[in-house]
């Protein structure tokens, strides 16, 4: 780890470590979402009905992106995190007692909303707690925590499910309660960036202001093709590995390779990527994502497939922290929650569209999947170069130089 990264880590206040620790706990205990399909099928419902339950969860996520962004800007980060954690924990326990399909469908919609509500708040809070030049490191640190939680949590969830799914719901509710209490006790209600500035002094903002930011819309449009690639790891890629004769254990190892690489190497890698302007870093990352995933279609055994996973994981490690920092630096302080909510809406939409489109392409003509992935990476790489092209900003513009990097400037 280079000196600049170590200095960035030392600069973070205690609240940053509270948020990162809470996100680890939340992701470690996120048992229910990955096992929701198995739970519905175990109750005797069809695969189609299980798919509709997942769609209900996705619709809840879409709503939470908007509400979470607005409530963060209006009421503060702590309020949204606490509301999300405690309401989600309650919904987990309610769902554990349901067996009627319509009740499960409605409860899952509410669960998707409650359990994802905190994301715009935590993303905005990470930006608030770090200086612009350290935000790449801050987002990489958070991704390390989240991926570490994912590396260990689902295995425990699967073990709990062998006994009773009640313990899956109860375990998830417990970890969310822990995060809620941690936020309640350790996070201040509001974070202000300058002495004497209070919440009542913050200028009002609306979604109209967010949607009026052409730079933001261009950036979100640029990254949307790339989200297709991310959604394939747990959808079409699983089908392909099965058709290659690999078992579920080998497929799990391939996904674990992704998580382990991120935990071990991403934070250190930011010491290199933070030296460059965002656009070329994102372009390289998106190209590696597209090419790496597409190369999977040319290999059929475990170790070559593992090599392609390493390649597209490297693309993810290069691009993801910078992508989060770009969005955070693009947002005005009083609209940061909504900006993060807009990004969350994009990713929620991707979780609905991406798996469906990928599996449909694979079922129709497998090469179409690989060429689409390559094209998506190329499209995002080209589009992000246009979206983040340098612009001339007046010296008096308070948003000028918002990136704090070596060249690319974006005004919000």
Protein backbone atom coordinates (compact mmCIF):
# COMPACT_ATOMS: atom_id res chain seq x y z
CA UNK A 1 0.00 0.00 0.00
CA UNK A 2 1.49 3.35 -1.03
CA UNK A 3 2.03 6.33 1.24
CA UNK A 4 -0.82 8.43 -0.20
CA UNK A 5 -3.34 5.65 0.46
CA UNK A 6 -2.12 5.23 4.04
CA UNK A 7 -2.40 8.99 4.58
CA UNK A 8 -5.92 8.95 3.15
CA UNK A 9 -6.95 6.16 5.52
CA UNK A 10 -5.51 8.06 8.49
CA UNK A 11 -7.42 11.18 7.47
CA UNK A 12 -10.83 9.55 7.76
CA UNK A 13 -12.82 10.49 10.90
CA UNK A 14 -14.25 7.85 13.27
CA UNK A 15 -17.67 8.16 11.62
CA UNK A 16 -16.19 6.79 8.38
CA UNK A 17 -15.12 3.62 10.15
CA UNK A 18 -18.56 3.34 11.73
CA UNK A 19 -20.19 3.45 8.29
CA UNK A 20 -17.74 0.99 6.77
CA UNK A 21 -18.12 -1.40 9.71
CA UNK A 22 -21.90 -1.13 9.48
CA UNK A 23 -21.83 -1.90 5.78
CA UNK A 24 -19.70 -4.96 6.47
CA UNK A 25 -22.15 -6.18 9.11
CA UNK A 26 -25.10 -5.50 6.81
CA UNK A 27 -23.53 -7.37 3.88
CA UNK A 28 -22.32 -10.23 6.05
CA UNK A 29 -25.85 -10.74 7.35
CA UNK A 30 -27.56 -10.25 3.99
CA UNK A 31 -28.81 -13.83 3.94
CA UNK A 32 -32.37 -13.36 2.71
CA UNK A 33 -31.97 -11.78 -0.75
CA UNK A 34 -29.67 -14.51 -2.19
CA UNK A 35 -31.85 -17.28 -0.75
CA UNK A 36 -35.26 -15.75 -1.47
CA UNK A 37 -35.92 -17.91 -4.54
CA UNK A 38 -35.10 -21.10 -2.62
CA UNK A 39 -37.38 -20.02 0.22
CA UNK A 40 -40.37 -19.43 -2.06
CA UNK A 41 -39.82 -22.73 -3.86
CA UNK A 42 -39.49 -24.58 -0.55
CA UNK A 43 -42.94 -23.24 0.37
CA UNK A 44 -44.30 -25.09 -2.68
CA UNK A 45 -44.55 -22.31 -5.22
CA UNK A 46 -43.35 -22.50 -8.82
CA UNK A 47 -40.16 -21.08 -10.28
CA UNK A 48 -42.25 -18.50 -12.13
CA UNK A 49 -43.85 -17.38 -8.88
CA UNK A 50 -40.41 -17.23 -7.27
CA UNK A 51 -39.25 -15.01 -10.13
CA UNK A 52 -42.16 -12.64 -9.52
CA UNK A 53 -41.13 -12.39 -5.87
CA UNK A 54 -37.64 -11.33 -6.99
CA UNK A 55 -39.22 -8.78 -9.31
CA UNK A 56 -41.19 -7.39 -6.37
CA UNK A 57 -37.95 -6.99 -4.43
CA UNK A 58 -36.45 -5.17 -7.40
CA UNK A 59 -39.41 -2.79 -7.62
CA UNK A 60 -38.98 -2.01 -3.94
CA UNK A 61 -35.33 -1.17 -4.62
CA UNK A 62 -36.35 1.25 -7.36
CA UNK A 63 -38.60 3.14 -4.95
CA UNK A 64 -35.98 3.20 -2.22
CA UNK A 65 -33.44 4.89 -4.51
CA UNK A 66 -35.72 7.91 -4.88
CA UNK A 67 -36.99 8.04 -1.31
CA UNK A 68 -33.57 7.37 0.20
CA UNK A 69 -32.04 10.22 -1.78
CA UNK A 70 -34.75 12.72 -0.82
CA UNK A 71 -34.81 11.75 2.86
CA UNK A 72 -31.03 11.93 3.08
CA UNK A 73 -31.02 15.51 1.81
CA UNK A 74 -33.97 16.49 4.03
CA UNK A 75 -33.44 14.58 7.27
CA UNK A 76 -29.80 13.55 7.30
CA UNK A 77 -27.83 10.34 6.84
CA UNK A 78 -28.36 8.88 10.30
CA UNK A 79 -32.15 9.15 10.10
CA UNK A 80 -32.26 7.24 6.81
CA UNK A 81 -29.82 4.53 7.93
CA UNK A 82 -31.69 3.93 11.20
CA UNK A 83 -35.08 3.92 9.45
CA UNK A 84 -33.83 1.46 6.85
CA UNK A 85 -32.21 -0.93 9.30
CA UNK A 86 -34.98 -1.10 11.89
CA UNK A 87 -37.85 -1.27 9.38
CA UNK A 88 -36.04 -3.91 7.36
CA UNK A 89 -35.36 -6.00 10.47
CA UNK A 90 -39.07 -5.86 11.32
CA UNK A 91 -40.05 -6.92 7.78
CA UNK A 92 -37.63 -9.85 7.97
CA UNK A 93 -39.43 -11.19 11.02
CA UNK A 94 -42.84 -10.62 9.42
CA UNK A 95 -41.83 -12.51 6.29
CA UNK A 96 -40.59 -15.47 8.32
CA UNK A 97 -44.18 -16.07 9.44
CA UNK A 98 -45.87 -15.75 6.03
CA UNK A 99 -46.97 -18.59 3.75
CA UNK A 100 -49.70 -17.01 1.60
CA UNK A 101 -48.26 -16.08 -1.79
CA UNK A 102 -49.93 -12.70 -2.12
CA UNK A 103 -48.81 -11.76 1.38
CA UNK A 104 -45.23 -12.82 0.54
CA UNK A 105 -45.34 -10.77 -2.66
CA UNK A 106 -46.47 -7.63 -0.84
CA UNK A 107 -44.05 -8.13 2.04
CA UNK A 108 -41.16 -8.64 -0.38
CA UNK A 109 -41.99 -5.35 -2.09
CA UNK A 110 -41.81 -3.58 1.28
CA UNK A 111 -38.68 -5.50 2.23
CA UNK A 112 -36.92 -4.43 -0.97
CA UNK A 113 -37.81 -0.83 -0.20
CA UNK A 114 -36.78 -0.94 3.47
CA UNK A 115 -33.59 -2.97 3.12
CA UNK A 116 -32.18 -0.83 0.28
CA UNK A 117 -33.27 2.57 1.60
CA UNK A 118 -29.97 3.20 3.36
CA UNK A 119 -27.74 3.00 0.28
CA UNK A 120 -28.02 6.60 -0.98
CA UNK A 121 -27.43 7.77 2.60
CA UNK A 122 -24.27 5.72 3.11
CA UNK A 123 -22.86 6.62 -0.29
CA UNK A 124 -23.50 10.31 0.34
CA UNK A 125 -22.05 10.01 3.84
CA UNK A 126 -18.83 8.44 2.57
CA UNK A 127 -18.46 11.44 0.27
CA UNK A 128 -19.16 13.88 3.11
CA UNK A 129 -16.56 12.27 5.36
CA UNK A 130 -13.71 12.35 2.85
CA UNK A 131 -11.89 15.13 1.05
CA UNK A 132 -12.40 15.12 -2.76
CA UNK A 133 -8.84 13.91 -3.37
CA UNK A 134 -9.38 10.96 -0.98
CA UNK A 135 -12.79 9.80 -2.18
CA UNK A 136 -11.44 7.09 -4.47
CA UNK A 137 -9.75 5.54 -1.44
CA UNK A 138 -12.90 6.02 0.65
CA UNK A 139 -15.11 4.19 -1.85
CA UNK A 140 -12.51 1.44 -2.25
CA UNK A 141 -12.43 0.99 1.54
CA UNK A 142 -16.20 0.63 1.59
CA UNK A 143 -16.10 -1.90 -1.25
CA UNK A 144 -13.48 -3.88 0.66
CA UNK A 145 -15.84 -4.10 3.65
CA UNK A 146 -18.86 -5.02 1.53
CA UNK A 147 -17.01 -7.71 -0.41
CA UNK A 148 -15.49 -9.14 2.76
CA UNK A 149 -19.00 -9.45 4.17
CA UNK A 150 -20.21 -11.11 0.99
CA UNK A 151 -17.29 -13.55 1.05
CA UNK A 152 -18.33 -15.02 4.39
CA UNK A 153 -22.00 -14.20 4.91
CA UNK A 154 -23.80 -16.28 2.25
CA UNK A 155 -22.02 -19.44 3.39
CA UNK A 156 -23.41 -18.94 6.90
CA UNK A 157 -26.83 -18.18 5.43
CA UNK A 158 -26.80 -21.44 3.48
CA UNK A 159 -25.88 -23.34 6.62
CA UNK A 160 -28.74 -21.71 8.55
CA UNK A 161 -31.17 -22.57 5.76
CA UNK A 162 -30.40 -26.27 6.20
CA UNK A 163 -31.99 -26.08 9.63
CA UNK A 164 -34.87 -23.65 9.16
CA UNK A 165 -35.43 -20.58 7.03
CA UNK A 166 -36.64 -18.81 10.16
CA UNK A 167 -33.01 -18.55 11.27
CA UNK A 168 -32.09 -17.03 7.92
CA UNK A 169 -34.64 -14.25 8.47
CA UNK A 170 -33.75 -13.90 12.15
CA UNK A 171 -30.01 -13.73 11.44
CA UNK A 172 -30.54 -11.07 8.79
CA UNK A 173 -32.77 -9.09 11.15
CA UNK A 174 -30.14 -9.30 13.89
CA UNK A 175 -27.34 -7.87 11.75
CA UNK A 176 -29.54 -5.03 10.54
CA UNK A 177 -30.52 -4.23 14.10
CA UNK A 178 -26.83 -4.13 15.03
CA UNK A 179 -26.14 -1.66 12.21
CA UNK A 180 -29.15 0.44 13.23
CA UNK A 181 -27.99 0.65 16.85
CA UNK A 182 -24.43 1.38 15.74
CA UNK A 183 -25.64 4.27 13.56
CA UNK A 184 -27.96 5.57 16.30
CA UNK A 185 -25.24 5.61 18.92
CA UNK A 186 -22.15 6.53 16.91
CA UNK A 187 -23.24 8.83 14.06
CA UNK A 188 -24.24 12.46 14.53
CA UNK A 189 -27.56 13.48 13.05
CA UNK A 190 -26.03 15.94 10.59
CA UNK A 191 -22.65 16.55 9.01
CA UNK A 192 -21.76 20.12 8.14
CA UNK A 193 -18.80 21.01 5.97
CA UNK A 194 -18.03 24.47 7.33
CA UNK A 195 -18.17 26.03 10.84
CA UNK A 196 -21.42 27.85 11.49
CA UNK A 197 -23.33 26.19 8.66
CA UNK A 198 -26.50 24.50 9.90
CA UNK A 199 -29.08 22.30 8.26
CA UNK A 200 -31.54 25.21 8.09
CA UNK A 201 -28.99 27.17 6.02
CA UNK A 202 -28.78 24.44 3.37
CA UNK A 203 -30.35 25.54 0.08
CA UNK A 204 -33.45 23.64 -0.94
CA UNK A 205 -33.23 21.23 -3.83
CA UNK A 206 -35.54 18.96 -5.80
CA UNK A 207 -35.32 16.11 -8.26
CA UNK A 208 -35.84 18.71 -10.97
CA UNK A 209 -32.45 20.16 -10.08
CA UNK A 210 -30.87 16.73 -10.33
CA UNK A 211 -32.49 15.92 -13.66
CA UNK A 212 -31.47 19.34 -14.94
CA UNK A 213 -27.78 18.47 -14.52
CA UNK A 214 -26.84 17.43 -18.04
CA UNK A 215 -23.41 16.25 -16.91
CA UNK A 216 -24.95 13.82 -14.42
CA UNK A 217 -27.38 12.42 -16.98
CA UNK A 218 -24.59 11.92 -19.50
CA UNK A 219 -22.47 10.14 -16.90
CA UNK A 220 -25.29 7.82 -15.82
CA UNK A 221 -26.14 7.06 -19.45
CA UNK A 222 -22.47 6.30 -20.09
CA UNK A 223 -22.18 3.73 -17.32
CA UNK A 224 -25.51 2.00 -17.94
CA UNK A 225 -24.23 -0.38 -20.69
CA UNK A 226 -21.48 -1.50 -18.32
CA UNK A 227 -24.04 -2.51 -15.67
CA UNK A 228 -25.18 -5.27 -18.04
CA UNK A 229 -21.82 -7.00 -17.55
CA UNK A 230 -22.03 -6.85 -13.76
CA UNK A 231 -25.43 -8.53 -13.78
CA UNK A 232 -24.18 -11.58 -15.69
CA UNK A 233 -21.98 -13.01 -12.93
CA UNK A 234 -24.97 -14.43 -11.07
CA UNK A 235 -27.20 -15.10 -14.08
CA UNK A 236 -25.96 -16.10 -17.54
CA UNK A 237 -22.45 -16.93 -16.31
CA UNK A 238 -23.95 -19.52 -13.96
CA UNK A 239 -25.76 -21.14 -16.91
CA UNK A 240 -22.60 -21.16 -18.99
CA UNK A 241 -20.44 -22.79 -16.32
CA UNK A 242 -23.08 -25.52 -15.93
CA UNK A 243 -23.08 -26.12 -19.68
CA UNK A 244 -19.29 -26.39 -19.52
CA UNK A 245 -19.71 -29.29 -17.09
CA UNK A 246 -18.65 -27.38 -13.97
CA UNK A 247 -20.47 -28.04 -10.72
CA UNK A 248 -22.01 -25.48 -8.37
CA UNK A 249 -18.94 -25.70 -6.14
CA UNK A 250 -16.62 -24.72 -8.98
CA UNK A 251 -18.98 -21.90 -9.96
CA UNK A 252 -18.89 -20.69 -6.35
CA UNK A 253 -15.09 -20.73 -6.42
CA UNK A 254 -15.08 -18.58 -9.55
CA UNK A 255 -17.29 -15.98 -7.84
CA UNK A 256 -15.17 -16.20 -4.70
CA UNK A 257 -12.13 -15.38 -6.83
CA UNK A 258 -13.79 -12.06 -7.67
CA UNK A 259 -14.46 -11.21 -4.01
CA UNK A 260 -11.05 -12.28 -2.76
CA UNK A 261 -9.22 -10.20 -5.37
CA UNK A 262 -11.24 -7.12 -4.43
CA UNK A 263 -10.61 -7.57 -0.71
CA UNK A 264 -6.89 -8.22 -1.18
CA UNK A 265 -5.98 -5.81 -3.94
CA UNK A 266 -8.45 -3.03 -4.67
CA UNK A 267 -7.51 -0.64 -1.89
CA UNK A 268 -3.83 -0.81 -2.82
CA UNK A 269 -4.67 -0.41 -6.50
CA UNK A 270 -6.28 2.97 -5.79
CA UNK A 271 -2.81 4.26 -4.93
CA UNK A 272 -2.13 4.00 -8.67
CA UNK A 273 -5.50 4.92 -10.16
CA UNK A 274 -5.89 8.07 -8.07
CA UNK A 275 -2.86 9.57 -9.85
CA UNK A 276 -4.77 9.83 -13.12
CA UNK A 277 -7.80 11.73 -14.34
CA UNK A 278 -11.07 9.80 -13.99
CA UNK A 279 -11.92 9.41 -17.70
CA UNK A 280 -8.96 7.24 -18.79
CA UNK A 281 -9.20 5.17 -15.59
CA UNK A 282 -12.88 4.44 -16.21
CA UNK A 283 -12.27 3.75 -19.89
CA UNK A 284 -9.60 1.16 -19.09
CA UNK A 285 -11.76 -0.45 -16.40
CA UNK A 286 -14.82 -0.74 -18.63
CA UNK A 287 -12.79 -2.17 -21.51
CA UNK A 288 -11.32 -4.83 -19.23
CA UNK A 289 -14.78 -5.65 -17.91
CA UNK A 290 -16.21 -6.14 -21.40
CA UNK A 291 -13.26 -7.97 -22.92
CA UNK A 292 -12.68 -10.10 -19.83
CA UNK A 293 -16.25 -11.32 -19.66
CA UNK A 294 -16.47 -11.86 -23.44
CA UNK A 295 -13.34 -14.03 -23.41
CA UNK A 296 -15.19 -16.45 -21.16
CA UNK A 297 -17.10 -17.62 -24.23
CA UNK A 298 -13.88 -18.97 -25.76
CA UNK A 299 -12.83 -21.19 -22.84
CA UNK A 300 -14.60 -24.15 -21.28
CA UNK A 301 -12.59 -25.41 -18.30
CA UNK A 302 -12.09 -24.12 -14.78
CA UNK A 303 -8.63 -22.54 -14.86
CA UNK A 304 -9.03 -20.62 -18.14
CA UNK A 305 -12.39 -19.39 -16.88
CA UNK A 306 -10.71 -18.31 -13.65
CA UNK A 307 -8.28 -16.30 -15.78
CA UNK A 308 -11.16 -14.43 -17.42
CA UNK A 309 -12.68 -13.77 -13.98
CA UNK A 310 -9.37 -12.23 -12.90
CA UNK A 311 -9.40 -10.01 -15.99
CA UNK A 312 -12.92 -8.62 -15.56
CA UNK A 313 -12.40 -8.33 -11.80
CA UNK A 314 -9.35 -6.18 -12.52
CA UNK A 315 -11.61 -3.96 -14.64
CA UNK A 316 -14.05 -3.71 -11.75
CA UNK A 317 -11.28 -2.88 -9.27
CA UNK A 318 -9.94 -0.14 -11.54
CA UNK A 319 -13.28 1.49 -12.34
CA UNK A 320 -15.63 1.09 -9.38
CA UNK A 321 -13.94 3.32 -6.74
CA UNK A 322 -13.28 6.06 -9.31
CA UNK A 323 -16.86 5.82 -10.53
CA UNK A 324 -18.17 6.42 -7.02
CA UNK A 325 -15.80 9.33 -6.46
CA UNK A 326 -16.77 10.98 -9.75
CA UNK A 327 -20.44 10.88 -8.82
CA UNK A 328 -19.76 12.19 -5.31
CA UNK A 329 -17.64 15.07 -6.58
CA UNK A 330 -20.21 15.93 -9.21
CA UNK A 331 -22.96 16.44 -6.63
CA UNK A 332 -23.64 19.72 -4.84
CA UNK A 333 -23.57 19.23 -1.07
CA UNK A 334 -27.30 19.81 -0.58
CA UNK A 335 -28.24 17.35 -3.36
CA UNK A 336 -25.73 14.58 -2.72
CA UNK A 337 -28.37 12.19 -1.40
CA UNK A 338 -30.47 12.61 -4.53
CA UNK A 339 -27.44 12.21 -6.78
CA UNK A 340 -26.62 8.92 -5.06
CA UNK A 341 -30.28 7.97 -5.30
CA UNK A 342 -30.20 8.57 -9.06
CA UNK A 343 -27.23 6.22 -9.31
CA UNK A 344 -29.03 3.71 -7.11
CA UNK A 345 -32.06 3.83 -9.39
CA UNK A 346 -29.84 3.07 -12.37
CA UNK A 347 -28.34 0.03 -10.66
CA UNK A 348 -31.74 -1.16 -9.45
CA UNK A 349 -33.04 -0.98 -13.01
CA UNK A 350 -29.97 -2.93 -14.11
CA UNK A 351 -30.75 -5.74 -11.65
CA UNK A 352 -34.11 -6.15 -13.37
CA UNK A 353 -33.07 -5.75 -17.00
CA UNK A 354 -29.53 -7.22 -16.98
CA UNK A 355 -30.18 -10.81 -15.83
CA UNK A 356 -33.27 -11.14 -18.04
CA UNK A 357 -31.49 -9.82 -21.13
CA UNK A 358 -28.34 -11.86 -20.52
CA UNK A 359 -30.12 -15.18 -20.00
CA UNK A 360 -32.38 -14.50 -22.98
CA UNK A 361 -29.40 -13.83 -25.25
CA UNK A 362 -27.62 -16.91 -23.97
CA UNK A 363 -30.66 -19.14 -24.52
CA UNK A 364 -31.14 -17.75 -28.05
CA UNK A 365 -27.53 -17.74 -29.27
CA UNK A 366 -24.62 -17.92 -26.77
CA UNK A 367 -22.15 -15.91 -28.91
CA UNK A 368 -24.66 -13.04 -28.83
CA UNK A 369 -24.09 -12.79 -25.08
CA UNK A 370 -20.32 -12.53 -25.39
CA UNK A 371 -20.44 -9.98 -28.21
CA UNK A 372 -23.03 -7.92 -26.31
CA UNK A 373 -20.78 -7.87 -23.23
CA UNK A 374 -17.80 -6.73 -25.29
CA UNK A 375 -19.94 -4.09 -26.95
CA UNK A 376 -21.27 -2.89 -23.60
CA UNK A 377 -17.77 -2.39 -22.25
CA UNK A 378 -16.71 -0.56 -25.40
CA UNK A 379 -19.85 1.60 -25.38
CA UNK A 380 -19.37 2.66 -21.77
CA UNK A 381 -15.68 3.37 -22.34
CA UNK A 382 -16.42 5.64 -25.27
CA UNK A 383 -19.42 7.31 -23.68
CA UNK A 384 -17.68 8.07 -20.39
CA UNK A 385 -14.88 9.79 -22.28
CA UNK A 386 -17.48 12.11 -23.78
CA UNK A 387 -19.42 12.57 -20.52
CA UNK A 388 -16.28 13.57 -18.59
CA UNK A 389 -14.63 15.64 -21.26
CA UNK A 390 -12.92 18.75 -19.84
CA UNK A 391 -15.10 21.85 -19.64
CA UNK A 392 -14.16 25.45 -19.02
CA UNK A 393 -15.63 26.75 -15.76
CA UNK A 394 -15.56 30.34 -14.50
CA UNK A 395 -13.12 30.97 -11.68
CA UNK A 396 -15.98 32.13 -9.47
CA UNK A 397 -17.91 28.89 -9.91
CA UNK A 398 -17.86 27.13 -6.52
CA UNK A 399 -18.14 23.77 -8.26
CA UNK A 400 -15.11 24.35 -10.49
CA UNK A 401 -12.37 21.83 -9.90
CA UNK A 402 -14.72 19.53 -8.05
CA UNK A 403 -12.73 16.44 -8.86
CA UNK A 404 -9.51 17.52 -7.24
CA UNK A 405 -7.57 15.54 -9.86
CA UNK A 406 -5.05 16.25 -12.58
CA UNK A 407 -7.22 17.53 -15.37
CA UNK A 408 -10.84 16.57 -15.76
CA UNK A 409 -13.22 19.07 -14.20
CA UNK A 410 -16.94 18.71 -13.88
CA UNK A 411 -19.30 21.35 -12.60
CA UNK A 412 -22.58 20.33 -11.07
